[in-house]
Protein backbone atom coordinates (compact mmCIF):
# COMPACT_ATOMS: atom_id res chain seq x y z
CA UNK A 1 119.18 188.11 111.62
CA UNK A 2 121.15 191.04 112.77
CA UNK A 3 120.38 192.92 116.06
CA UNK A 4 121.38 196.52 116.43
CA UNK A 5 120.26 196.81 119.91
CA UNK A 6 123.57 196.20 122.06
CA UNK A 7 121.90 195.59 125.25
CA UNK A 8 119.67 192.77 123.96
CA UNK A 9 120.49 188.98 123.15
CA UNK A 10 120.69 187.37 119.57
CA UNK A 11 117.54 186.38 118.17
CA UNK A 12 116.55 182.68 118.36
CA UNK A 13 114.22 181.74 115.49
CA UNK A 14 112.82 178.36 115.00
CA UNK A 15 111.82 177.09 111.73
CA UNK A 16 109.85 174.03 110.77
CA UNK A 17 108.08 172.99 107.75
CA UNK A 18 106.62 169.90 105.75
CA UNK A 19 106.23 169.17 102.27
CA UNK A 20 103.83 167.07 100.05
CA UNK A 21 103.33 165.59 96.64
CA UNK A 22 105.89 164.77 94.25
CA UNK A 23 109.39 165.63 94.63
CA UNK A 24 110.83 168.72 92.66
CA UNK A 25 114.21 167.09 91.67
CA UNK A 26 114.84 163.63 90.44
CA UNK A 27 118.44 162.12 90.43
CA UNK A 28 118.96 159.57 87.96
CA UNK A 29 122.04 157.56 86.17
CA UNK A 30 122.00 156.64 82.61
CA UNK A 31 123.58 153.40 83.69
CA UNK A 32 121.43 152.50 86.73
CA UNK A 33 118.09 154.54 86.29
CA UNK A 34 116.59 156.55 89.16
CA UNK A 35 117.92 156.75 92.50
CA UNK A 36 115.75 156.22 95.37
CA UNK A 37 115.77 158.85 98.50
CA UNK A 38 119.24 158.28 100.27
CA UNK A 39 120.34 155.87 97.40
CA UNK A 40 124.13 155.95 96.00
CA UNK A 41 125.49 155.08 92.64
CA UNK A 42 129.01 154.49 91.85
CA UNK A 43 130.89 155.88 88.61
CA UNK A 44 133.77 154.11 87.22
CA UNK A 45 136.49 156.23 85.88
CA UNK A 46 136.82 160.04 85.79
CA UNK A 47 134.23 162.49 84.86
CA UNK A 48 135.22 165.58 83.13
CA UNK A 49 133.72 168.72 85.30
CA UNK A 50 130.82 170.15 83.29
CA UNK A 51 130.19 167.50 80.97
CA UNK A 52 129.10 164.55 82.81
CA UNK A 53 131.00 162.13 80.48
CA UNK A 54 134.21 160.43 80.93
CA UNK A 55 137.17 161.79 78.87
C-alpha cells in the first residue's frame, strides 16, 4: 500500500484468516488418484506443456 506522506513511515498491515468447509481445489492424477494435502506425485517421462500428456 503506497504512502504519499513523505514524513511518515510505511504502513504495517497484519492479515489473518481461516477457512472451513470443503477445499475449492482438488488435485488428482489419472494414475494414482486424488492427492492429499501436502502430498506428492511422480510422473515418468516428459509432459508436453499445455496438454498434460506425454508426447
